[in-house]
PDB file of N, CA and C in Angstrom:
ATOM      1  N   MET A   1     -18.727 -11.154 -13.549  1.00  0.00           N
ATOM      2  CA  MET A   1     -17.700 -11.119 -12.518  1.00  0.00           C
ATOM      3  C   MET A   1     -17.627  -9.705 -11.934  1.00  0.00           C
ATOM      4  N   GLN A   2     -17.506  -9.639 -10.633  1.00  0.00           N
ATOM      5  CA  GLN A   2     -17.440  -8.358  -9.926  1.00  0.00           C
ATOM      6  C   GLN A   2     -16.061  -7.719 -10.093  1.00  0.00           C
ATOM      7  N   ASN A   3     -16.048  -6.399 -10.150  1.00  0.00           N
ATOM      8  CA  ASN A   3     -14.775  -5.689 -10.246  1.00  0.00           C
ATOM      9  C   ASN A   3     -13.948  -5.939  -8.994  1.00  0.00           C
ATOM     10  N   PRO A   4     -12.630  -6.126  -9.152  1.00  0.00           N
ATOM     11  CA  PRO A   4     -11.781  -6.344  -7.976  1.00  0.00           C
ATOM     12  C   PRO A   4     -11.744  -5.099  -7.084  1.00  0.00           C
ATOM     13  N   THR A   5     -11.698  -5.343  -5.788  1.00  0.00           N
ATOM     14  CA  THR A   5     -11.620  -4.261  -4.808  1.00  0.00           C
ATOM     15  C   THR A   5     -10.188  -4.125  -4.332  1.00  0.00           C
ATOM     16  N   ILE A   6      -9.717  -2.871  -4.305  1.00  0.00           N
ATOM     17  CA  ILE A   6      -8.381  -2.585  -3.794  1.00  0.00           C
ATOM     18  C   ILE A   6      -8.470  -1.463  -2.764  1.00  0.00           C
ATOM     19  N   VAL A   7      -7.615  -1.547  -1.777  1.00  0.00           N
ATOM     20  CA  VAL A   7      -7.499  -0.509  -0.762  1.00  0.00           C
ATOM     21  C   VAL A   7      -6.228   0.271  -1.071  1.00  0.00           C
ATOM     22  N   ILE A   8      -6.359   1.593  -1.175  1.00  0.00           N
ATOM     23  CA  ILE A   8      -5.183   2.423  -1.440  1.00  0.00           C
ATOM     24  C   ILE A   8      -5.076   3.519  -0.380  1.00  0.00           C
ATOM     25  N   GLY A   9      -3.882   4.079  -0.280  1.00  0.00           N
ATOM     26  CA  GLY A   9      -3.650   5.191   0.634  1.00  0.00           C
ATOM     27  C   GLY A   9      -2.170   5.500   0.729  1.00  0.00           C
ATOM     28  N   VAL A  10      -1.869   6.506   1.511  1.00  0.00           N
ATOM     29  CA  VAL A  10      -0.497   6.954   1.733  1.00  0.00           C
ATOM     30  C   VAL A  10      -0.141   6.611   3.176  1.00  0.00           C
ATOM     31  N   ILE A  11       0.898   5.827   3.368  1.00  0.00           N
ATOM     32  CA  ILE A  11       1.204   5.254   4.672  1.00  0.00           C
ATOM     33  C   ILE A  11       1.968   6.197   5.597  1.00  0.00           C
ATOM     34  N   GLY A  12       1.855   5.935   6.888  1.00  0.00           N
ATOM     35  CA  GLY A  12       2.649   6.607   7.912  1.00  0.00           C
ATOM     36  C   GLY A  12       2.288   8.066   8.091  1.00  0.00           C
ATOM     37  N   ALA A  13       3.300   8.880   8.323  1.00  0.00           N
ATOM     38  CA  ALA A  13       3.096  10.315   8.556  1.00  0.00           C
ATOM     39  C   ALA A  13       3.145  11.109   7.255  1.00  0.00           C
ATOM     40  N   ASP A  14       3.097  10.409   6.133  1.00  0.00           N
ATOM     41  CA  ASP A  14       3.188  11.049   4.818  1.00  0.00           C
ATOM     42  C   ASP A  14       1.848  11.687   4.453  1.00  0.00           C
ATOM     43  N   CYS A  15       1.885  12.955   4.106  1.00  0.00           N
ATOM     44  CA  CYS A  15       0.652  13.677   3.776  1.00  0.00           C
ATOM     45  C   CYS A  15       0.611  14.113   2.314  1.00  0.00           C
ATOM     46  N   HIS A  16       1.403  13.482   1.462  1.00  0.00           N
ATOM     47  CA  HIS A  16       1.417  13.816   0.035  1.00  0.00           C
ATOM     48  C   HIS A  16       0.205  13.179  -0.650  1.00  0.00           C
ATOM     49  N   ALA A  17      -0.735  13.987  -1.077  1.00  0.00           N
ATOM     50  CA  ALA A  17      -2.027  13.491  -1.538  1.00  0.00           C
ATOM     51  C   ALA A  17      -2.182  13.403  -3.050  1.00  0.00           C
ATOM     52  N   VAL A  18      -1.380  14.113  -3.819  1.00  0.00           N
ATOM     53  CA  VAL A  18      -1.628  14.211  -5.251  1.00  0.00           C
ATOM     54  C   VAL A  18      -1.508  12.848  -5.937  1.00  0.00           C
ATOM     55  N   GLY A  19      -0.417  12.124  -5.689  1.00  0.00           N
ATOM     56  CA  GLY A  19      -0.232  10.821  -6.319  1.00  0.00           C
ATOM     57  C   GLY A  19      -1.334   9.848  -5.956  1.00  0.00           C
ATOM     58  N   ASN A  20      -1.796   9.915  -4.727  1.00  0.00           N
ATOM     59  CA  ASN A  20      -2.882   9.054  -4.271  1.00  0.00           C
ATOM     60  C   ASN A  20      -4.156   9.330  -5.064  1.00  0.00           C
ATOM     61  N   LYS A  21      -4.428  10.593  -5.325  1.00  0.00           N
ATOM     62  CA  LYS A  21      -5.613  10.951  -6.116  1.00  0.00           C
ATOM     63  C   LYS A  21      -5.484  10.471  -7.551  1.00  0.00           C
ATOM     64  N   VAL A  22      -4.276  10.539  -8.093  1.00  0.00           N
ATOM     65  CA  VAL A  22      -4.037  10.054  -9.450  1.00  0.00           C
ATOM     66  C   VAL A  22      -4.267   8.543  -9.502  1.00  0.00           C
ATOM     67  N   LEU A  23      -3.710   7.814  -8.537  1.00  0.00           N
ATOM     68  CA  LEU A  23      -3.907   6.365  -8.493  1.00  0.00           C
ATOM     69  C   LEU A  23      -5.386   6.017  -8.396  1.00  0.00           C
ATOM     70  N   ASP A  24      -6.106   6.717  -7.544  1.00  0.00           N
ATOM     71  CA  ASP A  24      -7.537   6.480  -7.374  1.00  0.00           C
ATOM     72  C   ASP A  24      -8.244   6.594  -8.718  1.00  0.00           C
ATOM     73  N   ARG A  25      -7.996   7.668  -9.413  1.00  0.00           N
ATOM     74  CA  ARG A  25      -8.669   7.915 -10.691  1.00  0.00           C
ATOM     75  C   ARG A  25      -8.303   6.854 -11.735  1.00  0.00           C
ATOM     76  N   VAL A  26      -7.017   6.528 -11.830  1.00  0.00           N
ATOM     77  CA  VAL A  26      -6.582   5.553 -12.832  1.00  0.00           C
ATOM     78  C   VAL A  26      -7.158   4.173 -12.537  1.00  0.00           C
ATOM     79  N   PHE A  27      -7.079   3.750 -11.283  1.00  0.00           N
ATOM     80  CA  PHE A  27      -7.644   2.443 -10.935  1.00  0.00           C
ATOM     81  C   PHE A  27      -9.148   2.407 -11.216  1.00  0.00           C
ATOM     82  N   ALA A  28      -9.866   3.449 -10.855  1.00  0.00           N
ATOM     83  CA  ALA A  28     -11.311   3.497 -11.100  1.00  0.00           C
ATOM     84  C   ALA A  28     -11.613   3.425 -12.594  1.00  0.00           C
ATOM     85  N   GLN A  29     -10.826   4.114 -13.393  1.00  0.00           N
ATOM     86  CA  GLN A  29     -11.028   4.081 -14.847  1.00  0.00           C
ATOM     87  C   GLN A  29     -10.768   2.698 -15.431  1.00  0.00           C
ATOM     88  N   HIS A  30     -10.019   1.879 -14.706  1.00  0.00           N
ATOM     89  CA  HIS A  30      -9.733   0.516 -15.153  1.00  0.00           C
ATOM     90  C   HIS A  30     -10.582  -0.508 -14.399  1.00  0.00           C
ATOM     91  N   ASN A  31     -11.730  -0.049 -13.930  1.00  0.00           N
ATOM     92  CA  ASN A  31     -12.772  -0.911 -13.363  1.00  0.00           C
ATOM     93  C   ASN A  31     -12.426  -1.594 -12.045  1.00  0.00           C
ATOM     94  N   PHE A  32     -11.591  -0.949 -11.246  1.00  0.00           N
ATOM     95  CA  PHE A  32     -11.371  -1.422  -9.882  1.00  0.00           C
ATOM     96  C   PHE A  32     -12.346  -0.708  -8.958  1.00  0.00           C
ATOM     97  N   ASN A  33     -12.799  -1.398  -7.943  1.00  0.00           N
ATOM     98  CA  ASN A  33     -13.554  -0.777  -6.872  1.00  0.00           C
ATOM     99  C   ASN A  33     -12.517  -0.265  -5.877  1.00  0.00           C
ATOM    100  N   VAL A  34     -12.325   1.054  -5.832  1.00  0.00           N
ATOM    101  CA  VAL A  34     -11.232   1.650  -5.061  1.00  0.00           C
ATOM    102  C   VAL A  34     -11.744   2.132  -3.703  1.00  0.00           C
ATOM    103  N   ILE A  35     -11.088   1.652  -2.648  1.00  0.00           N
ATOM    104  CA  ILE A  35     -11.328   2.133  -1.297  1.00  0.00           C
ATOM    105  C   ILE A  35     -10.122   3.008  -0.958  1.00  0.00           C
ATOM    106  N   ASN A  36     -10.302   4.319  -1.030  1.00  0.00           N
ATOM    107  CA  ASN A  36      -9.194   5.252  -0.833  1.00  0.00           C
ATOM    108  C   ASN A  36      -9.218   5.769   0.603  1.00  0.00           C
ATOM    109  N   LEU A  37      -8.204   5.407   1.371  1.00  0.00           N
ATOM    110  CA  LEU A  37      -8.117   5.811   2.774  1.00  0.00           C
ATOM    111  C   LEU A  37      -7.460   7.172   2.959  1.00  0.00           C
ATOM    112  N   GLY A  38      -6.961   7.760   1.878  1.00  0.00           N
ATOM    113  CA  GLY A  38      -6.348   9.077   1.974  1.00  0.00           C
ATOM    114  C   GLY A  38      -4.912   9.008   2.445  1.00  0.00           C
ATOM    115  N   VAL A  39      -4.518   9.996   3.243  1.00  0.00           N
ATOM    116  CA  VAL A  39      -3.126  10.116   3.675  1.00  0.00           C
ATOM    117  C   VAL A  39      -2.984   9.776   5.160  1.00  0.00           C
ATOM    118  N   MET A  40      -1.728   9.564   5.551  1.00  0.00           N
ATOM    119  CA  MET A  40      -1.373   9.282   6.943  1.00  0.00           C
ATOM    120  C   MET A  40      -2.118   8.050   7.471  1.00  0.00           C
ATOM    121  N   VAL A  41      -2.029   6.964   6.712  1.00  0.00           N
ATOM    122  CA  VAL A  41      -2.748   5.725   6.991  1.00  0.00           C
ATOM    123  C   VAL A  41      -1.822   4.748   7.712  1.00  0.00           C
ATOM    124  N   SER A  42      -2.328   4.125   8.760  1.00  0.00           N
ATOM    125  CA  SER A  42      -1.552   3.113   9.484  1.00  0.00           C
ATOM    126  C   SER A  42      -1.725   1.747   8.823  1.00  0.00           C
ATOM    127  N   GLN A  43      -0.822   0.833   9.133  1.00  0.00           N
ATOM    128  CA  GLN A  43      -0.942  -0.526   8.618  1.00  0.00           C
ATOM    129  C   GLN A  43      -2.280  -1.135   9.015  1.00  0.00           C
ATOM    130  N   ASP A  44      -2.676  -0.948  10.246  1.00  0.00           N
ATOM    131  CA  ASP A  44      -3.934  -1.537  10.704  1.00  0.00           C
ATOM    132  C   ASP A  44      -5.141  -0.955   9.979  1.00  0.00           C
ATOM    133  N   GLU A  45      -5.090   0.321   9.619  1.00  0.00           N
ATOM    134  CA  GLU A  45      -6.201   0.907   8.860  1.00  0.00           C
ATOM    135  C   GLU A  45      -6.322   0.259   7.489  1.00  0.00           C
ATOM    136  N   TYR A  46      -5.196   0.017   6.817  1.00  0.00           N
ATOM    137  CA  TYR A  46      -5.231  -0.695   5.537  1.00  0.00           C
ATOM    138  C   TYR A  46      -5.856  -2.081   5.723  1.00  0.00           C
ATOM    139  N   ILE A  47      -5.358  -2.803   6.709  1.00  0.00           N
ATOM    140  CA  ILE A  47      -5.798  -4.181   6.930  1.00  0.00           C
ATOM    141  C   ILE A  47      -7.273  -4.216   7.325  1.00  0.00           C
ATOM    142  N   ASP A  48      -7.689  -3.336   8.219  1.00  0.00           N
ATOM    143  CA  ASP A  48      -9.104  -3.270   8.609  1.00  0.00           C
ATOM    144  C   ASP A  48      -9.985  -3.051   7.386  1.00  0.00           C
ATOM    145  N   ALA A  49      -9.608  -2.103   6.528  1.00  0.00           N
ATOM    146  CA  ALA A  49     -10.404  -1.801   5.336  1.00  0.00           C
ATOM    147  C   ALA A  49     -10.438  -2.994   4.385  1.00  0.00           C
ATOM    148  N   ALA A  50      -9.311  -3.682   4.241  1.00  0.00           N
ATOM    149  CA  ALA A  50      -9.266  -4.847   3.353  1.00  0.00           C
ATOM    150  C   ALA A  50     -10.179  -5.951   3.872  1.00  0.00           C
ATOM    151  N   ILE A  51     -10.184  -6.158   5.177  1.00  0.00           N
ATOM    152  CA  ILE A  51     -11.060  -7.172   5.768  1.00  0.00           C
ATOM    153  C   ILE A  51     -12.524  -6.777   5.575  1.00  0.00           C
ATOM    154  N   GLU A  52     -12.848  -5.536   5.893  1.00  0.00           N
ATOM    155  CA  GLU A  52     -14.235  -5.068   5.811  1.00  0.00           C
ATOM    156  C   GLU A  52     -14.797  -5.119   4.402  1.00  0.00           C
ATOM    157  N   THR A  53     -13.964  -4.909   3.394  1.00  0.00           N
ATOM    158  CA  THR A  53     -14.440  -4.823   2.012  1.00  0.00           C
ATOM    159  C   THR A  53     -14.162  -6.078   1.198  1.00  0.00           C
ATOM    160  N   GLY A  54     -13.421  -7.023   1.759  1.00  0.00           N
ATOM    161  CA  GLY A  54     -13.054  -8.216   1.002  1.00  0.00           C
ATOM    162  C   GLY A  54     -12.100  -7.908  -0.139  1.00  0.00           C
ATOM    163  N   ALA A  55     -11.231  -6.935   0.069  1.00  0.00           N
ATOM    164  CA  ALA A  55     -10.319  -6.480  -0.980  1.00  0.00           C
ATOM    165  C   ALA A  55      -9.363  -7.588  -1.421  1.00  0.00           C
ATOM    166  N   GLN A  56      -8.995  -7.515  -2.686  1.00  0.00           N
ATOM    167  CA  GLN A  56      -8.030  -8.455  -3.241  1.00  0.00           C
ATOM    168  C   GLN A  56      -6.598  -7.943  -3.151  1.00  0.00           C
ATOM    169  N   ALA A  57      -6.426  -6.629  -2.913  1.00  0.00           N
ATOM    170  CA  ALA A  57      -5.074  -6.066  -2.862  1.00  0.00           C
ATOM    171  C   ALA A  57      -5.057  -4.810  -2.001  1.00  0.00           C
ATOM    172  N   ILE A  58      -3.894  -4.550  -1.449  1.00  0.00           N
ATOM    173  CA  ILE A  58      -3.610  -3.305  -0.730  1.00  0.00           C
ATOM    174  C   ILE A  58      -2.485  -2.624  -1.496  1.00  0.00           C
ATOM    175  N   VAL A  59      -2.710  -1.369  -1.861  1.00  0.00           N
ATOM    176  CA  VAL A  59      -1.724  -0.595  -2.615  1.00  0.00           C
ATOM    177  C   VAL A  59      -1.255   0.556  -1.729  1.00  0.00           C
ATOM    178  N   VAL A  60      -0.005   0.495  -1.308  1.00  0.00           N
ATOM    179  CA  VAL A  60       0.573   1.461  -0.384  1.00  0.00           C
ATOM    180  C   VAL A  60       1.421   2.455  -1.162  1.00  0.00           C
ATOM    181  N   SER A  61       1.197   3.722  -0.893  1.00  0.00           N
ATOM    182  CA  SER A  61       1.969   4.784  -1.516  1.00  0.00           C
ATOM    183  C   SER A  61       2.750   5.530  -0.443  1.00  0.00           C
ATOM    184  N   SER A  62       3.943   5.960  -0.804  1.00  0.00           N
ATOM    185  CA  SER A  62       4.751   6.769   0.109  1.00  0.00           C
ATOM    186  C   SER A  62       5.698   7.613  -0.732  1.00  0.00           C
ATOM    187  N   ILE A  63       5.842   8.858  -0.361  1.00  0.00           N
ATOM    188  CA  ILE A  63       6.751   9.713  -1.131  1.00  0.00           C
ATOM    189  C   ILE A  63       7.761  10.432  -0.247  1.00  0.00           C
ATOM    190  N   TYR A  64       7.581  10.379   1.050  1.00  0.00           N
ATOM    191  CA  TYR A  64       8.454  11.174   1.921  1.00  0.00           C
ATOM    192  C   TYR A  64       9.718  10.450   2.368  1.00  0.00           C
ATOM    193  N   GLY A  65       9.954   9.259   1.823  1.00  0.00           N
ATOM    194  CA  GLY A  65      11.214   8.572   2.057  1.00  0.00           C
ATOM    195  C   GLY A  65      11.230   7.571   3.192  1.00  0.00           C
ATOM    196  N   HIS A  66      10.127   7.418   3.900  1.00  0.00           N
ATOM    197  CA  HIS A  66      10.101   6.497   5.040  1.00  0.00           C
ATOM    198  C   HIS A  66       9.220   5.280   4.794  1.00  0.00           C
ATOM    199  N   GLY A  67       8.838   5.053   3.543  1.00  0.00           N
ATOM    200  CA  GLY A  67       7.957   3.941   3.211  1.00  0.00           C
ATOM    201  C   GLY A  67       8.517   2.594   3.622  1.00  0.00           C
ATOM    202  N   GLU A  68       9.812   2.413   3.444  1.00  0.00           N
ATOM    203  CA  GLU A  68      10.429   1.140   3.837  1.00  0.00           C
ATOM    204  C   GLU A  68      10.184   0.863   5.316  1.00  0.00           C
ATOM    205  N   VAL A  69      10.414   1.841   6.148  1.00  0.00           N
ATOM    206  CA  VAL A  69      10.230   1.686   7.592  1.00  0.00           C
ATOM    207  C   VAL A  69       8.745   1.543   7.931  1.00  0.00           C
ATOM    208  N   ASP A  70       7.906   2.362   7.311  1.00  0.00           N
ATOM    209  CA  ASP A  70       6.476   2.326   7.600  1.00  0.00           C
ATOM    210  C   ASP A  70       5.837   0.991   7.235  1.00  0.00           C
ATOM    211  N   CYS A  71       6.435   0.275   6.294  1.00  0.00           N
ATOM    212  CA  CYS A  71       5.874  -0.997   5.837  1.00  0.00           C
ATOM    213  C   CYS A  71       6.448  -2.215   6.562  1.00  0.00           C
ATOM    214  N   LEU A  72       7.431  -2.014   7.424  1.00  0.00           N
ATOM    215  CA  LEU A  72       8.034  -3.150   8.137  1.00  0.00           C
ATOM    216  C   LEU A  72       6.960  -3.950   8.863  1.00  0.00           C
ATOM    217  N   GLY A  73       6.975  -5.249   8.649  1.00  0.00           N
ATOM    218  CA  GLY A  73       6.057  -6.140   9.347  1.00  0.00           C
ATOM    219  C   GLY A  73       4.646  -6.188   8.791  1.00  0.00           C
ATOM    220  N   MET A  74       4.378  -5.488   7.701  1.00  0.00           N
ATOM    221  CA  MET A  74       3.006  -5.447   7.195  1.00  0.00           C
ATOM    222  C   MET A  74       2.526  -6.812   6.714  1.00  0.00           C
ATOM    223  N   ARG A  75       3.381  -7.557   6.020  1.00  0.00           N
ATOM    224  CA  ARG A  75       2.972  -8.896   5.587  1.00  0.00           C
ATOM    225  C   ARG A  75       2.626  -9.759   6.796  1.00  0.00           C
ATOM    226  N   ASP A  76       3.464  -9.717   7.837  1.00  0.00           N
ATOM    227  CA  ASP A  76       3.193 -10.503   9.048  1.00  0.00           C
ATOM    228  C   ASP A  76       1.869 -10.088   9.690  1.00  0.00           C
ATOM    229  N   ARG A  77       1.590  -8.796   9.722  1.00  0.00           N
ATOM    230  CA  ARG A  77       0.310  -8.321  10.269  1.00  0.00           C
ATOM    231  C   ARG A  77      -0.862  -8.849   9.461  1.00  0.00           C
ATOM    232  N   CYS A  78      -0.695  -8.856   8.131  1.00  0.00           N
ATOM    233  CA  CYS A  78      -1.756  -9.391   7.269  1.00  0.00           C
ATOM    234  C   CYS A  78      -1.992 -10.866   7.576  1.00  0.00           C
ATOM    235  N   ILE A  79      -0.922 -11.625   7.715  1.00  0.00           N
ATOM    236  CA  ILE A  79      -1.031 -13.047   8.027  1.00  0.00           C
ATOM    237  C   ILE A  79      -1.756 -13.239   9.355  1.00  0.00           C
ATOM    238  N   GLU A  80      -1.353 -12.485  10.373  1.00  0.00           N
ATOM    239  CA  GLU A  80      -1.981 -12.585  11.694  1.00  0.00           C
ATOM    240  C   GLU A  80      -3.475 -12.310  11.649  1.00  0.00           C
ATOM    241  N   ARG A  81      -3.890 -11.439  10.732  1.00  0.00           N
ATOM    242  CA  ARG A  81      -5.291 -11.031  10.651  1.00  0.00           C
ATOM    243  C   ARG A  81      -6.079 -11.835   9.619  1.00  0.00           C
ATOM    244  N   GLY A  82      -5.463 -12.871   9.042  1.00  0.00           N
ATOM    245  CA  GLY A  82      -6.161 -13.733   8.105  1.00  0.00           C
ATOM    246  C   GLY A  82      -6.080 -13.304   6.652  1.00  0.00           C
ATOM    247  N   LEU A  83      -5.157 -12.402   6.328  1.00  0.00           N
ATOM    248  CA  LEU A  83      -5.002 -11.926   4.953  1.00  0.00           C
ATOM    249  C   LEU A  83      -3.646 -12.322   4.371  1.00  0.00           C
ATOM    250  N   GLY A  84      -3.199 -13.521   4.675  1.00  0.00           N
ATOM    251  CA  GLY A  84      -1.873 -13.937   4.242  1.00  0.00           C
ATOM    252  C   GLY A  84      -1.672 -13.965   2.742  1.00  0.00           C
ATOM    253  N   GLU A  85      -2.739 -14.153   1.993  1.00  0.00           N
ATOM    254  CA  GLU A  85      -2.628 -14.261   0.538  1.00  0.00           C
ATOM    255  C   GLU A  85      -2.936 -12.956  -0.193  1.00  0.00           C
ATOM    256  N   ILE A  86      -3.265 -11.886   0.528  1.00  0.00           N
ATOM    257  CA  ILE A  86      -3.613 -10.642  -0.149  1.00  0.00           C
ATOM    258  C   ILE A  86      -2.408 -10.074  -0.884  1.00  0.00           C
ATOM    259  N   LEU A  87      -2.648  -9.506  -2.047  1.00  0.00           N
ATOM    260  CA  LEU A  87      -1.568  -8.862  -2.789  1.00  0.00           C
ATOM    261  C   LEU A  87      -1.216  -7.546  -2.109  1.00  0.00           C
ATOM    262  N   LEU A  88       0.061  -7.315  -1.899  1.00  0.00           N
ATOM    263  CA  LEU A  88       0.547  -6.067  -1.328  1.00  0.00           C
ATOM    264  C   LEU A  88       1.458  -5.401  -2.339  1.00  0.00           C
ATOM    265  N   TYR A  89       1.147  -4.162  -2.664  1.00  0.00           N
ATOM    266  CA  TYR A  89       1.986  -3.366  -3.561  1.00  0.00           C
ATOM    267  C   TYR A  89       2.409  -2.115  -2.830  1.00  0.00           C
ATOM    268  N   VAL A  90       3.647  -1.718  -3.018  1.00  0.00           N
ATOM    269  CA  VAL A  90       4.135  -0.476  -2.433  1.00  0.00           C
ATOM    270  C   VAL A  90       4.933   0.265  -3.503  1.00  0.00           C
ATOM    271  N   GLY A  91       4.747   1.575  -3.534  1.00  0.00           N
ATOM    272  CA  GLY A  91       5.474   2.351  -4.524  1.00  0.00           C
ATOM    273  C   GLY A  91       5.650   3.782  -4.089  1.00  0.00           C
ATOM    274  N   GLY A  92       6.549   4.461  -4.773  1.00  0.00           N
ATOM    275  CA  GLY A  92       6.834   5.862  -4.481  1.00  0.00           C
ATOM    276  C   GLY A  92       8.306   6.043  -4.170  1.00  0.00           C
ATOM    277  N   ASN A  93       8.593   7.006  -3.329  1.00  0.00           N
ATOM    278  CA  ASN A  93       9.953   7.253  -2.852  1.00  0.00           C
ATOM    279  C   ASN A  93      10.050   6.572  -1.492  1.00  0.00           C
ATOM    280  N   LEU A  94      10.573   5.361  -1.471  1.00  0.00           N
ATOM    281  CA  LEU A  94      10.468   4.509  -0.291  1.00  0.00           C
ATOM    282  C   LEU A  94      11.628   4.618   0.680  1.00  0.00           C
ATOM    283  N   VAL A  95      12.729   5.214   0.258  1.00  0.00           N
ATOM    284  CA  VAL A  95      13.911   5.302   1.108  1.00  0.00           C
ATOM    285  C   VAL A  95      14.482   6.711   1.044  1.00  0.00           C
ATOM    286  N   ILE A  96      15.248   7.034   2.071  1.00  0.00           N
ATOM    287  CA  ILE A  96      15.928   8.327   2.107  1.00  0.00           C
ATOM    288  C   ILE A  96      17.291   8.175   1.451  1.00  0.00           C
ATOM    289  N   GLY A  97      17.669   9.134   0.647  1.00  0.00           N
ATOM    290  CA  GLY A  97      18.971   9.114  -0.004  1.00  0.00           C
ATOM    291  C   GLY A  97      18.938   8.345  -1.299  1.00  0.00           C
ATOM    292  N   LYS A  98      20.066   8.402  -1.995  1.00  0.00           N
ATOM    293  CA  LYS A  98      20.180   7.706  -3.272  1.00  0.00           C
ATOM    294  C   LYS A  98      20.562   6.257  -3.018  1.00  0.00           C
ATOM    295  N   GLN A  99      19.702   5.375  -3.507  1.00  0.00           N
ATOM    296  CA  GLN A  99      19.981   3.946  -3.444  1.00  0.00           C
ATOM    297  C   GLN A  99      19.592   3.353  -4.781  1.00  0.00           C
ATOM    298  N   ALA A 100      20.317   2.333  -5.188  1.00  0.00           N
ATOM    299  CA  ALA A 100      20.021   1.667  -6.452  1.00  0.00           C
ATOM    300  C   ALA A 100      18.640   1.030  -6.385  1.00  0.00           C
ATOM    301  N   PRO A 101      17.851   1.181  -7.443  1.00  0.00           N
ATOM    302  CA  PRO A 101      16.512   0.587  -7.449  1.00  0.00           C
ATOM    303  C   PRO A 101      16.510  -0.912  -7.120  1.00  0.00           C
ATOM    304  N   ALA A 102      17.501  -1.644  -7.598  1.00  0.00           N
ATOM    305  CA  ALA A 102      17.565  -3.082  -7.321  1.00  0.00           C
ATOM    306  C   ALA A 102      17.721  -3.347  -5.825  1.00  0.00           C
ATOM    307  N   GLU A 103      18.480  -2.503  -5.134  1.00  0.00           N
ATOM    308  CA  GLU A 103      18.657  -2.656  -3.687  1.00  0.00           C
ATOM    309  C   GLU A 103      17.364  -2.343  -2.939  1.00  0.00           C
ATOM    310  N   ILE A 104      16.661  -1.329  -3.395  1.00  0.00           N
ATOM    311  CA  ILE A 104      15.374  -0.989  -2.780  1.00  0.00           C
ATOM    312  C   ILE A 104      14.400  -2.150  -2.970  1.00  0.00           C
ATOM    313  N   ASP A 105      14.356  -2.703  -4.167  1.00  0.00           N
ATOM    314  CA  ASP A 105      13.482  -3.847  -4.433  1.00  0.00           C
ATOM    315  C   ASP A 105      13.781  -4.984  -3.483  1.00  0.00           C
ATOM    316  N   LYS A 106      15.069  -5.303  -3.284  1.00  0.00           N
ATOM    317  CA  LYS A 106      15.456  -6.397  -2.369  1.00  0.00           C
ATOM    318  C   LYS A 106      14.942  -6.137  -0.962  1.00  0.00           C
ATOM    319  N   LYS A 107      15.115  -4.903  -0.490  1.00  0.00           N
ATOM    320  CA  LYS A 107      14.660  -4.548   0.863  1.00  0.00           C
ATOM    321  C   LYS A 107      13.155  -4.742   1.004  1.00  0.00           C
ATOM    322  N   ILE A 108      12.426  -4.260   0.025  1.00  0.00           N
ATOM    323  CA  ILE A 108      10.969  -4.338   0.071  1.00  0.00           C
ATOM    324  C   ILE A 108      10.515  -5.790   0.000  1.00  0.00           C
ATOM    325  N   LEU A 109      11.120  -6.557  -0.892  1.00  0.00           N
ATOM    326  CA  LEU A 109      10.742  -7.972  -1.036  1.00  0.00           C
ATOM    327  C   LEU A 109      11.076  -8.780   0.208  1.00  0.00           C
ATOM    328  N   ARG A 110      12.161  -8.441   0.890  1.00  0.00           N
ATOM    329  CA  ARG A 110      12.522  -9.113   2.142  1.00  0.00           C
ATOM    330  C   ARG A 110      11.442  -8.898   3.192  1.00  0.00           C
ATOM    331  N   ASN A 111      10.743  -7.776   3.089  1.00  0.00           N
ATOM    332  CA  ASN A 111       9.680  -7.466   4.040  1.00  0.00           C
ATOM    333  C   ASN A 111       8.336  -8.058   3.618  1.00  0.00           C
ATOM    334  N   GLY A 112       8.329  -8.852   2.557  1.00  0.00           N
ATOM    335  CA  GLY A 112       7.107  -9.539   2.157  1.00  0.00           C
ATOM    336  C   GLY A 112       6.146  -8.701   1.347  1.00  0.00           C
ATOM    337  N   LEU A 113       6.616  -7.588   0.797  1.00  0.00           N
ATOM    338  CA  LEU A 113       5.730  -6.732  -0.007  1.00  0.00           C
ATOM    339  C   LEU A 113       5.955  -6.977  -1.476  1.00  0.00           C
TER     340      LEU A 113
END
């Protein structure tokens, strides 16, 4: 069986690269084929890479607090492009200000991530 392919990167105008490099290394050590798009990645860049590589998942990272906004509509975009069943993961500091983790989870899940 072939190793699963995942597309990773840091979304939007976020240029925080360290966590992305850590994720890349950890996923690779666990036998994932990692397509690392780096920082300041648009939704379409993630989706294009997933289509081109036949990825099983897109892993979105954000630390600058705007991840929630940057990810709005991403599930719908995936559906429009034929990736309705792809796994979408998002993590990091996704919102500005102090919010309860359960509330952040609800917001993210409402957006289909």
